[in-house]
Amino acid sequence: VHPGASVIGGTVACDGRLIIEAAAVGADTQFAGMVRLVEEAQAQKAD
């Protein structure tokens, strides 16, 4: 990734130093959205 690239919370920097401007935090991140999918699936009732 270079300046101008989008990054996703929950991923790991292997090398280099980055300065990132937060666009989505907390419950609005993609990682949090994946967690919600699991929680919603557990709350549903199967046939």
All heavy atoms as atom14 arrays in JSON, in Angstrom:
{
  "sequence": "VHPGASVIGGTVACDGRLIIEAAAVGADTQFAGMVRLVEEAQAQKAD",
  "atom14_mask": [
    [1, 1, 1, 1, 1, 1, 1, 0, 0, 0, 0, 0, 0, 0],
    [1, 1, 1, 1, 1, 1, 1, 1, 1, 1, 0, 0, 0, 0],
    [1, 1, 1, 1, 1, 1, 1, 0, 0, 0, 0, 0, 0, 0],
    [1, 1, 1, 1, 0, 0, 0, 0, 0, 0, 0, 0, 0, 0],
    [1, 1, 1, 1, 1, 0, 0, 0, 0, 0, 0, 0, 0, 0],
    [1, 1, 1, 1, 1, 1, 0, 0, 0, 0, 0, 0, 0, 0],
    [1, 1, 1, 1, 1, 1, 1, 0, 0, 0, 0, 0, 0, 0],
    [1, 1, 1, 1, 1, 1, 1, 1, 0, 0, 0, 0, 0, 0],
    [1, 1, 1, 1, 0, 0, 0, 0, 0, 0, 0, 0, 0, 0],
    [1, 1, 1, 1, 0, 0, 0, 0, 0, 0, 0, 0, 0, 0],
    [1, 1, 1, 1, 1, 1, 1, 0, 0, 0, 0, 0, 0, 0],
    [1, 1, 1, 1, 1, 1, 1, 0, 0, 0, 0, 0, 0, 0],
    [1, 1, 1, 1, 1, 0, 0, 0, 0, 0, 0, 0, 0, 0],
    [1, 1, 1, 1, 1, 1, 0, 0, 0, 0, 0, 0, 0, 0],
    [1, 1, 1, 1, 1, 1, 1, 1, 0, 0, 0, 0, 0, 0],
    [1, 1, 1, 1, 0, 0, 0, 0, 0, 0, 0, 0, 0, 0],
    [1, 1, 1, 1, 1, 1, 1, 1, 1, 1, 1, 0, 0, 0],
    [1, 1, 1, 1, 1, 1, 1, 1, 0, 0, 0, 0, 0, 0],
    [1, 1, 1, 1, 1, 1, 1, 1, 0, 0, 0, 0, 0, 0],
    [1, 1, 1, 1, 1, 1, 1, 1, 0, 0, 0, 0, 0, 0],
    [1, 1, 1, 1, 1, 1, 1, 1, 1, 0, 0, 0, 0, 0],
    [1, 1, 1, 1, 1, 0, 0, 0, 0, 0, 0, 0, 0, 0],
    [1, 1, 1, 1, 1, 0, 0, 0, 0, 0, 0, 0, 0, 0],
    [1, 1, 1, 1, 1, 0, 0, 0, 0, 0, 0, 0, 0, 0],
    [1, 1, 1, 1, 1, 1, 1, 0, 0, 0, 0, 0, 0, 0],
    [1, 1, 1, 1, 0, 0, 0, 0, 0, 0, 0, 0, 0, 0],
    [1, 1, 1, 1, 1, 0, 0, 0, 0, 0, 0, 0, 0, 0],
    [1, 1, 1, 1, 1, 1, 1, 1, 0, 0, 0, 0, 0, 0],
    [1, 1, 1, 1, 1, 1, 1, 0, 0, 0, 0, 0, 0, 0],
    [1, 1, 1, 1, 1, 1, 1, 1, 1, 0, 0, 0, 0, 0],
    [1, 1, 1, 1, 1, 1, 1, 1, 1, 1, 1, 0, 0, 0],
    [1, 1, 1, 1, 1, 0, 0, 0, 0, 0, 0, 0, 0, 0],
    [1, 1, 1, 1, 0, 0, 0, 0, 0, 0, 0, 0, 0, 0],
    [1, 1, 1, 1, 1, 1, 1, 1, 0, 0, 0, 0, 0, 0],
    [1, 1, 1, 1, 1, 1, 1, 0, 0, 0, 0, 0, 0, 0],
    [1, 1, 1, 1, 1, 1, 1, 1, 1, 1, 1, 0, 0, 0],
    [1, 1, 1, 1, 1, 1, 1, 1, 0, 0, 0, 0, 0, 0],
    [1, 1, 1, 1, 1, 1, 1, 0, 0, 0, 0, 0, 0, 0],
    [1, 1, 1, 1, 1, 1, 1, 1, 1, 0, 0, 0, 0, 0],
    [1, 1, 1, 1, 1, 1, 1, 1, 1, 0, 0, 0, 0, 0],
    [1, 1, 1, 1, 1, 0, 0, 0, 0, 0, 0, 0, 0, 0],
    [1, 1, 1, 1, 1, 1, 1, 1, 1, 0, 0, 0, 0, 0],
    [1, 1, 1, 1, 1, 0, 0, 0, 0, 0, 0, 0, 0, 0],
    [1, 1, 1, 1, 1, 1, 1, 1, 1, 0, 0, 0, 0, 0],
    [1, 1, 1, 1, 1, 1, 1, 1, 1, 0, 0, 0, 0, 0],
    [1, 1, 1, 1, 1, 0, 0, 0, 0, 0, 0, 0, 0, 0],
    [1, 1, 1, 1, 1, 1, 1, 1, 0, 0, 0, 0, 0, 0]
  ],
  "atom14_positions": [
    [[0.84, -1.19, 0.0], [0.0, 0.0, 0.0], [0.88, 1.25, 0.0], [1.99, 1.25, 0.53], [-0.96, 0.03, 1.22], [-1.92, -1.13, 1.16], [-0.18, 0.0, 2.54], [0.0, 0.0, 0.0], [0.0, 0.0, 0.0], [0.0, 0.0, 0.0], [0.0, 0.0, 0.0], [0.0, 0.0, 0.0], [0.0, 0.0, 0.0], [0.0, 0.0, 0.0]],
    [[0.36, 2.3, -0.62], [1.05, 3.57, -0.75], [0.1, 4.68, -0.33], [-1.09, 4.43, -0.1], [1.51, 3.77, -2.2], [2.33, 2.64, -2.74], [3.7, 2.6, -2.62], [1.98, 1.5, -3.41], [4.17, 1.49, -3.18], [3.14, 0.8, -3.66], [0.0, 0.0, 0.0], [0.0, 0.0, 0.0], [0.0, 0.0, 0.0], [0.0, 0.0, 0.0]],
    [[0.58, 5.91, -0.23], [-0.32, 7.02, 0.09], [-1.5, 7.08, -0.86], [-1.34, 6.97, -2.09], [0.59, 8.24, -0.05], [1.95, 7.73, 0.31], [1.99, 6.35, -0.25], [0.0, 0.0, 0.0], [0.0, 0.0, 0.0], [0.0, 0.0, 0.0], [0.0, 0.0, 0.0], [0.0, 0.0, 0.0], [0.0, 0.0, 0.0], [0.0, 0.0, 0.0]],
    [[-2.69, 7.21, -0.31], [-3.91, 7.22, -1.11], [-4.64, 5.9, -1.13], [-5.79, 5.83, -1.54], [0.0, 0.0, 0.0], [0.0, 0.0, 0.0], [0.0, 0.0, 0.0], [0.0, 0.0, 0.0], [0.0, 0.0, 0.0], [0.0, 0.0, 0.0], [0.0, 0.0, 0.0], [0.0, 0.0, 0.0], [0.0, 0.0, 0.0], [0.0, 0.0, 0.0]],
    [[-3.98, 4.83, -0.66], [-4.62, 3.5, -0.66], [-5.51, 3.34, 0.57], [-5.25, 3.92, 1.62], [-3.54, 2.41, -0.69], [0.0, 0.0, 0.0], [0.0, 0.0, 0.0], [0.0, 0.0, 0.0], [0.0, 0.0, 0.0], [0.0, 0.0, 0.0], [0.0, 0.0, 0.0], [0.0, 0.0, 0.0], [0.0, 0.0, 0.0], [0.0, 0.0, 0.0]],
    [[-6.54, 2.54, 0.41], [-7.44, 2.24, 1.53], [-6.92, 1.01, 2.27], [-6.42, 0.07, 1.65], [-8.86, 1.98, 1.02], [-9.38, 3.13, 0.4], [0.0, 0.0, 0.0], [0.0, 0.0, 0.0], [0.0, 0.0, 0.0], [0.0, 0.0, 0.0], [0.0, 0.0, 0.0], [0.0, 0.0, 0.0], [0.0, 0.0, 0.0], [0.0, 0.0, 0.0]],
    [[-7.07, 1.02, 3.58], [-6.68, -0.13, 4.4], [-7.86, -0.52, 5.28], [-8.77, 0.28, 5.53], [-5.44, 0.18, 5.26], [-4.21, 0.37, 4.4], [-5.68, 1.41, 6.12], [0.0, 0.0, 0.0], [0.0, 0.0, 0.0], [0.0, 0.0, 0.0], [0.0, 0.0, 0.0], [0.0, 0.0, 0.0], [0.0, 0.0, 0.0], [0.0, 0.0, 0.0]],
    [[-7.83, -1.75, 5.76], [-8.94, -2.3, 6.54], [-8.48, -2.59, 7.95], [-7.4, -3.17, 8.16], [-9.47, -3.59, 5.88], [-9.93, -3.31, 4.45], [-10.62, -4.19, 6.7], [-10.33, -4.56, 3.69], [0.0, 0.0, 0.0], [0.0, 0.0, 0.0], [0.0, 0.0, 0.0], [0.0, 0.0, 0.0], [0.0, 0.0, 0.0], [0.0, 0.0, 0.0]],
    [[-9.27, -2.21, 8.92], [-8.96, -2.51, 10.3], [-8.93, -4.0, 10.55], [-9.7, -4.76, 9.98], [0.0, 0.0, 0.0], [0.0, 0.0, 0.0], [0.0, 0.0, 0.0], [0.0, 0.0, 0.0], [0.0, 0.0, 0.0], [0.0, 0.0, 0.0], [0.0, 0.0, 0.0], [0.0, 0.0, 0.0], [0.0, 0.0, 0.0], [0.0, 0.0, 0.0]],
    [[-8.01, -4.42, 11.41], [-7.86, -5.85, 11.7], [-6.76, -6.5, 10.9], [-6.36, -7.63, 11.21], [0.0, 0.0, 0.0], [0.0, 0.0, 0.0], [0.0, 0.0, 0.0], [0.0, 0.0, 0.0], [0.0, 0.0, 0.0], [0.0, 0.0, 0.0], [0.0, 0.0, 0.0], [0.0, 0.0, 0.0], [0.0, 0.0, 0.0], [0.0, 0.0, 0.0]],
    [[-6.23, -5.82, 9.88], [-5.1, -6.35, 9.11], [-3.8, -5.89, 9.76], [-3.78, -5.01, 10.62], [-5.16, -5.89, 7.65], [-5.21, -4.45, 7.6], [-6.43, -6.43, 6.98], [0.0, 0.0, 0.0], [0.0, 0.0, 0.0], [0.0, 0.0, 0.0], [0.0, 0.0, 0.0], [0.0, 0.0, 0.0], [0.0, 0.0, 0.0], [0.0, 0.0, 0.0]],
    [[-2.68, -6.48, 9.35], [-1.4, -6.26, 10.03], [-0.36, -5.71, 9.07], [-0.23, -6.2, 7.94], [-0.89, -7.59, 10.65], [0.44, -7.37, 11.37], [-1.93, -8.15, 11.62], [0.0, 0.0, 0.0], [0.0, 0.0, 0.0], [0.0, 0.0, 0.0], [0.0, 0.0, 0.0], [0.0, 0.0, 0.0], [0.0, 0.0, 0.0], [0.0, 0.0, 0.0]],
    [[0.38, -4.71, 9.52], [1.48, -4.16, 8.74], [2.71, -5.06, 8.89], [3.15, -5.31, 10.01], [1.8, -2.74, 9.2], [0.0, 0.0, 0.0], [0.0, 0.0, 0.0], [0.0, 0.0, 0.0], [0.0, 0.0, 0.0], [0.0, 0.0, 0.0], [0.0, 0.0, 0.0], [0.0, 0.0, 0.0], [0.0, 0.0, 0.0], [0.0, 0.0, 0.0]],
    [[3.23, -5.55, 7.79], [4.4, -6.44, 7.84], [5.7, -5.65, 7.94], [6.63, -6.06, 8.63], [4.45, -7.31, 6.59], [3.03, -8.4, 6.39], [0.0, 0.0, 0.0], [0.0, 0.0, 0.0], [0.0, 0.0, 0.0], [0.0, 0.0, 0.0], [0.0, 0.0, 0.0], [0.0, 0.0, 0.0], [0.0, 0.0, 0.0], [0.0, 0.0, 0.0]],
    [[5.77, -4.54, 7.24], [6.98, -3.71, 7.27], [6.57, -2.27, 6.98], [5.44, -1.99, 6.62], [8.02, -4.21, 6.26], [7.45, -4.27, 4.84], [6.42, -3.63, 4.58], [8.05, -4.95, 3.99], [0.0, 0.0, 0.0], [0.0, 0.0, 0.0], [0.0, 0.0, 0.0], [0.0, 0.0, 0.0], [0.0, 0.0, 0.0], [0.0, 0.0, 0.0]],
    [[7.49, -1.37, 7.15], [7.22, 0.02, 6.87], [6.41, 0.7, 7.96], [5.83, 0.06, 8.85], [0.0, 0.0, 0.0], [0.0, 0.0, 0.0], [0.0, 0.0, 0.0], [0.0, 0.0, 0.0], [0.0, 0.0, 0.0], [0.0, 0.0, 0.0], [0.0, 0.0, 0.0], [0.0, 0.0, 0.0], [0.0, 0.0, 0.0], [0.0, 0.0, 0.0]],
    [[6.37, 2.01, 7.91], [5.61, 2.82, 8.87], [4.55, 3.61, 8.12], [4.86, 4.28, 7.13], [6.55, 3.79, 9.62], [5.88, 4.73, 10.61], [6.93, 5.63, 11.25], [6.37, 6.55, 12.24], [5.88, 7.76, 11.96], [5.88, 8.18, 10.7], [5.4, 8.53, 12.91], [0.0, 0.0, 0.0], [0.0, 0.0, 0.0], [0.0, 0.0, 0.0]],
    [[3.33, 3.54, 8.58], [2.22, 4.19, 7.91], [1.58, 5.23, 8.82], [1.51, 5.05, 10.04], [1.14, 3.18, 7.52], [1.51, 2.08, 6.53], [0.34, 1.11, 6.35], [1.91, 2.67, 5.19], [0.0, 0.0, 0.0], [0.0, 0.0, 0.0], [0.0, 0.0, 0.0], [0.0, 0.0, 0.0], [0.0, 0.0, 0.0], [0.0, 0.0, 0.0]],
    [[1.12, 6.31, 8.21], [0.23, 7.25, 8.88], [-1.12, 7.15, 8.18], [-1.22, 7.34, 6.96], [0.77, 8.69, 8.82], [2.1, 8.78, 9.57], [-0.24, 9.67, 9.41], [2.73, 10.17, 9.51], [0.0, 0.0, 0.0], [0.0, 0.0, 0.0], [0.0, 0.0, 0.0], [0.0, 0.0, 0.0], [0.0, 0.0, 0.0], [0.0, 0.0, 0.0]],
    [[-2.15, 6.82, 8.93], [-3.46, 6.53, 8.37], [-4.49, 7.49, 8.96], [-4.47, 7.77, 10.17], [-3.87, 5.07, 8.66], [-2.86, 4.11, 8.05], [-5.28, 4.77, 8.16], [-3.06, 2.66, 8.44], [0.0, 0.0, 0.0], [0.0, 0.0, 0.0], [0.0, 0.0, 0.0], [0.0, 0.0, 0.0], [0.0, 0.0, 0.0], [0.0, 0.0, 0.0]],
    [[-5.37, 7.97, 8.12], [-6.49, 8.79, 8.58], [-7.72, 7.89, 8.71], [-8.14, 7.26, 7.74], [-6.77, 9.93, 7.61], [-7.9, 10.85, 8.08], [-8.1, 12.04, 7.17], [-7.12, 12.81, 6.99], [-9.21, 12.2, 6.64], [0.0, 0.0, 0.0], [0.0, 0.0, 0.0], [0.0, 0.0, 0.0], [0.0, 0.0, 0.0], [0.0, 0.0, 0.0]],
    [[-8.26, 7.81, 9.91], [-9.38, 6.91, 10.17], [-10.63, 7.35, 9.41], [-11.02, 8.52, 9.46], [-9.67, 6.86, 11.67], [0.0, 0.0, 0.0], [0.0, 0.0, 0.0], [0.0, 0.0, 0.0], [0.0, 0.0, 0.0], [0.0, 0.0, 0.0], [0.0, 0.0, 0.0], [0.0, 0.0, 0.0], [0.0, 0.0, 0.0], [0.0, 0.0, 0.0]],
    [[-11.25, 6.42, 8.7], [-12.48, 6.69, 7.96], [-13.67, 6.0, 8.6], [-14.8, 6.48, 8.51], [-12.33, 6.25, 6.5], [0.0, 0.0, 0.0], [0.0, 0.0, 0.0], [0.0, 0.0, 0.0], [0.0, 0.0, 0.0], [0.0, 0.0, 0.0], [0.0, 0.0, 0.0], [0.0, 0.0, 0.0], [0.0, 0.0, 0.0], [0.0, 0.0, 0.0]],
    [[-13.45, 4.85, 9.21], [-14.52, 4.11, 9.89], [-13.92, 3.47, 11.13], [-12.89, 2.81, 11.06], [-15.12, 3.04, 8.97], [0.0, 0.0, 0.0], [0.0, 0.0, 0.0], [0.0, 0.0, 0.0], [0.0, 0.0, 0.0], [0.0, 0.0, 0.0], [0.0, 0.0, 0.0], [0.0, 0.0, 0.0], [0.0, 0.0, 0.0], [0.0, 0.0, 0.0]],
    [[-14.54, 3.71, 12.27], [-14.0, 3.21, 13.53], [-15.06, 2.4, 14.26], [-16.26, 2.48, 13.97], [-13.52, 4.37, 14.43], [-12.42, 5.15, 13.76], [-14.7, 5.3, 14.77], [0.0, 0.0, 0.0], [0.0, 0.0, 0.0], [0.0, 0.0, 0.0], [0.0, 0.0, 0.0], [0.0, 0.0, 0.0], [0.0, 0.0, 0.0], [0.0, 0.0, 0.0]],
    [[-14.59, 1.6, 15.22], [-15.51, 0.85, 16.07], [-16.44, -0.06, 15.3], [-16.01, -0.87, 14.48], [0.0, 0.0, 0.0], [0.0, 0.0, 0.0], [0.0, 0.0, 0.0], [0.0, 0.0, 0.0], [0.0, 0.0, 0.0], [0.0, 0.0, 0.0], [0.0, 0.0, 0.0], [0.0, 0.0, 0.0], [0.0, 0.0, 0.0], [0.0, 0.0, 0.0]],
    [[-17.74, 0.11, 15.52], [-18.75, -0.76, 14.92], [-18.92, -0.53, 13.43], [-19.6, -1.31, 12.76], [-20.09, -0.57, 15.63], [0.0, 0.0, 0.0], [0.0, 0.0, 0.0], [0.0, 0.0, 0.0], [0.0, 0.0, 0.0], [0.0, 0.0, 0.0], [0.0, 0.0, 0.0], [0.0, 0.0, 0.0], [0.0, 0.0, 0.0], [0.0, 0.0, 0.0]],
    [[-18.32, 0.53, 12.88], [-18.49, 0.84, 11.46], [-17.43, 0.19, 10.58], [-17.5, 0.3, 9.36], [-18.45, 2.36, 11.25], [-19.61, 3.07, 11.92], [-20.69, 2.45, 12.01], [-19.43, 4.23, 12.36], [0.0, 0.0, 0.0], [0.0, 0.0, 0.0], [0.0, 0.0, 0.0], [0.0, 0.0, 0.0], [0.0, 0.0, 0.0], [0.0, 0.0, 0.0]],
    [[-16.44, -0.47, 11.15], [-15.38, -1.09, 10.36], [-15.87, -2.37, 9.7], [-16.85, -2.98, 10.12], [-14.15, -1.4, 11.22], [-14.51, -2.38, 12.21], [-13.63, -0.15, 11.91], [0.0, 0.0, 0.0], [0.0, 0.0, 0.0], [0.0, 0.0, 0.0], [0.0, 0.0, 0.0], [0.0, 0.0, 0.0], [0.0, 0.0, 0.0], [0.0, 0.0, 0.0]],
    [[-15.16, -2.79, 8.65], [-15.52, -4.02, 7.96], [-15.36, -5.23, 8.88], [-16.15, -6.17, 8.83], [-14.67, -4.19, 6.71], [-14.93, -3.17, 5.62], [-14.21, -3.49, 4.33], [-14.07, -4.65, 3.95], [-13.74, -2.46, 3.65], [0.0, 0.0, 0.0], [0.0, 0.0, 0.0], [0.0, 0.0, 0.0], [0.0, 0.0, 0.0], [0.0, 0.0, 0.0]],
    [[-14.33, -5.2, 9.72], [-14.1, -6.31, 10.64], [-15.28, -6.45, 11.61], [-15.77, -7.56, 11.86], [-12.8, -6.09, 11.41], [-12.37, -7.27, 12.24], [-11.63, -8.29, 11.67], [-12.72, -7.36, 13.57], [-11.23, -9.38, 12.43], [-12.33, -8.45, 14.34], [-11.58, -9.46, 13.76], [0.0, 0.0, 0.0], [0.0, 0.0, 0.0], [0.0, 0.0, 0.0]],
    [[-15.75, -5.31, 12.15], [-16.9, -5.34, 13.05], [-18.15, -5.83, 12.32], [-19.0, -6.51, 12.9], [-17.14, -3.95, 13.63], [0.0, 0.0, 0.0], [0.0, 0.0, 0.0], [0.0, 0.0, 0.0], [0.0, 0.0, 0.0], [0.0, 0.0, 0.0], [0.0, 0.0, 0.0], [0.0, 0.0, 0.0], [0.0, 0.0, 0.0], [0.0, 0.0, 0.0]],
    [[-18.25, -5.49, 11.04], [-19.4, -5.97, 10.26], [-19.41, -7.48, 10.12], [-20.47, -8.11, 10.17], [0.0, 0.0, 0.0], [0.0, 0.0, 0.0], [0.0, 0.0, 0.0], [0.0, 0.0, 0.0], [0.0, 0.0, 0.0], [0.0, 0.0, 0.0], [0.0, 0.0, 0.0], [0.0, 0.0, 0.0], [0.0, 0.0, 0.0], [0.0, 0.0, 0.0]],
    [[-18.22, -8.08, 9.97], [-18.14, -9.54, 9.89], [-18.55, -10.18, 11.21], [-19.22, -11.21, 11.24], [-16.73, -9.96, 9.49], [-16.31, -9.51, 8.11], [-14.59, -9.89, 7.72], [-14.64, -11.67, 7.63], [0.0, 0.0, 0.0], [0.0, 0.0, 0.0], [0.0, 0.0, 0.0], [0.0, 0.0, 0.0], [0.0, 0.0, 0.0], [0.0, 0.0, 0.0]],
    [[-18.15, -9.54, 12.32], [-18.54, -10.05, 13.64], [-20.06, -9.99, 13.79], [-20.68, -10.92, 14.31], [-17.85, -9.25, 14.75], [-18.36, -9.69, 16.12], [-16.34, -9.44, 14.68], [0.0, 0.0, 0.0], [0.0, 0.0, 0.0], [0.0, 0.0, 0.0], [0.0, 0.0, 0.0], [0.0, 0.0, 0.0], [0.0, 0.0, 0.0], [0.0, 0.0, 0.0]],
    [[-20.67, -8.91, 13.31], [-22.13, -8.77, 13.41], [-22.84, -9.86, 12.61], [-23.91, -10.33, 13.01], [-22.57, -7.39, 12.93], [-22.37, -6.29, 13.95], [-23.2, -5.06, 13.58], [-22.82, -4.54, 12.27], [-21.83, -3.69, 12.07], [-21.1, -3.27, 13.09], [-21.57, -3.23, 10.86], [0.0, 0.0, 0.0], [0.0, 0.0, 0.0], [0.0, 0.0, 0.0]],
    [[-22.28, -10.22, 11.47], [-22.89, -11.28, 10.66], [-23.0, -12.57, 11.46], [-24.03, -13.26, 11.43], [-22.08, -11.53, 9.39], [-22.19, -10.49, 8.28], [-21.29, -10.89, 7.11], [-23.62, -10.34, 7.8], [0.0, 0.0, 0.0], [0.0, 0.0, 0.0], [0.0, 0.0, 0.0], [0.0, 0.0, 0.0], [0.0, 0.0, 0.0], [0.0, 0.0, 0.0]],
    [[-21.93, -12.89, 12.19], [-21.94, -14.11, 13.0], [-22.97, -13.99, 14.12], [-23.74, -14.92, 14.39], [-20.54, -14.38, 13.58], [-20.56, -15.61, 14.47], [-19.53, -14.58, 12.46], [0.0, 0.0, 0.0], [0.0, 0.0, 0.0], [0.0, 0.0, 0.0], [0.0, 0.0, 0.0], [0.0, 0.0, 0.0], [0.0, 0.0, 0.0], [0.0, 0.0, 0.0]],
    [[-23.0, -12.84, 14.78], [-23.95, -12.65, 15.88], [-25.39, -12.7, 15.39], [-26.27, -13.27, 16.05], [-23.67, -11.31, 16.57], [-22.32, -11.27, 17.29], [-22.0, -9.9, 17.84], [-22.68, -8.92, 17.41], [-21.1, -9.8, 18.68], [0.0, 0.0, 0.0], [0.0, 0.0, 0.0], [0.0, 0.0, 0.0], [0.0, 0.0, 0.0], [0.0, 0.0, 0.0]],
    [[-25.66, -12.11, 14.22], [-27.02, -12.15, 13.67], [-27.42, -13.56, 13.29], [-28.57, -13.97, 13.47], [-27.11, -11.23, 12.45], [-27.02, -9.74, 12.81], [-26.89, -8.87, 11.57], [-26.89, -9.44, 10.45], [-26.78, -7.63, 11.72], [0.0, 0.0, 0.0], [0.0, 0.0, 0.0], [0.0, 0.0, 0.0], [0.0, 0.0, 0.0], [0.0, 0.0, 0.0]],
    [[-26.46, -14.32, 12.76], [-26.75, -15.7, 12.4], [-27.1, -16.52, 13.64], [-28.0, -17.35, 13.62], [-25.56, -16.33, 11.68], [0.0, 0.0, 0.0], [0.0, 0.0, 0.0], [0.0, 0.0, 0.0], [0.0, 0.0, 0.0], [0.0, 0.0, 0.0], [0.0, 0.0, 0.0], [0.0, 0.0, 0.0], [0.0, 0.0, 0.0], [0.0, 0.0, 0.0]],
    [[-26.41, -16.25, 14.75], [-26.68, -16.99, 15.98], [-28.02, -16.61, 16.58], [-28.65, -17.4, 17.29], [-25.56, -16.72, 16.99], [-24.22, -17.33, 16.6], [-23.13, -17.03, 17.61], [-23.22, -16.08, 18.37], [-22.1, -17.85, 17.62], [0.0, 0.0, 0.0], [0.0, 0.0, 0.0], [0.0, 0.0, 0.0], [0.0, 0.0, 0.0], [0.0, 0.0, 0.0]],
    [[-28.5, -15.38, 16.29], [-29.76, -14.92, 16.86], [-30.97, -15.39, 16.05], [-32.1, -15.37, 16.53], [-29.77, -13.4, 16.95], [0.0, 0.0, 0.0], [0.0, 0.0, 0.0], [0.0, 0.0, 0.0], [0.0, 0.0, 0.0], [0.0, 0.0, 0.0], [0.0, 0.0, 0.0], [0.0, 0.0, 0.0], [0.0, 0.0, 0.0], [0.0, 0.0, 0.0]],
    [[-30.74, -15.82, 14.81], [-31.84, -16.25, 13.96], [-32.31, -17.65, 14.35], [-31.6, -18.42, 15.0], [-31.4, -16.25, 12.49], [-31.08, -14.87, 11.95], [-30.53, -14.94, 10.54], [-30.42, -16.02, 9.96], [-30.18, -13.8, 9.99], [0.0, 0.0, 0.0], [0.0, 0.0, 0.0], [0.0, 0.0, 0.0], [0.0, 0.0, 0.0], [0.0, 0.0, 0.0]],
    [[-33.53, -17.94, 13.92], [-34.08, -19.28, 14.13], [-34.1, -20.02, 12.8], [-34.64, -19.55, 11.81], [-35.5, -19.21, 14.69], [-35.57, -18.89, 16.17], [-36.97, -19.11, 16.71], [-37.0, -18.93, 18.22], [-38.35, -19.2, 18.78], [0.0, 0.0, 0.0], [0.0, 0.0, 0.0], [0.0, 0.0, 0.0], [0.0, 0.0, 0.0], [0.0, 0.0, 0.0]],
    [[-33.49, -21.19, 12.81], [-33.5, -22.02, 11.62], [-34.85, -22.71, 11.47], [-35.65, -22.78, 12.42], [-32.39, -23.07, 11.71], [0.0, 0.0, 0.0], [0.0, 0.0, 0.0], [0.0, 0.0, 0.0], [0.0, 0.0, 0.0], [0.0, 0.0, 0.0], [0.0, 0.0, 0.0], [0.0, 0.0, 0.0], [0.0, 0.0, 0.0], [0.0, 0.0, 0.0]],
    [[-35.14, -23.22, 10.27], [-36.4, -23.93, 10.03], [-36.53, -25.12, 10.97], [-37.61, -25.39, 11.49], [-36.47, -24.4, 8.57], [-36.6, -23.22, 7.61], [-37.0, -22.13, 8.08], [-36.32, -23.39, 6.42], [0.0, 0.0, 0.0], [0.0, 0.0, 0.0], [0.0, 0.0, 0.0], [0.0, 0.0, 0.0], [0.0, 0.0, 0.0], [0.0, 0.0, 0.0]]
  ]
}
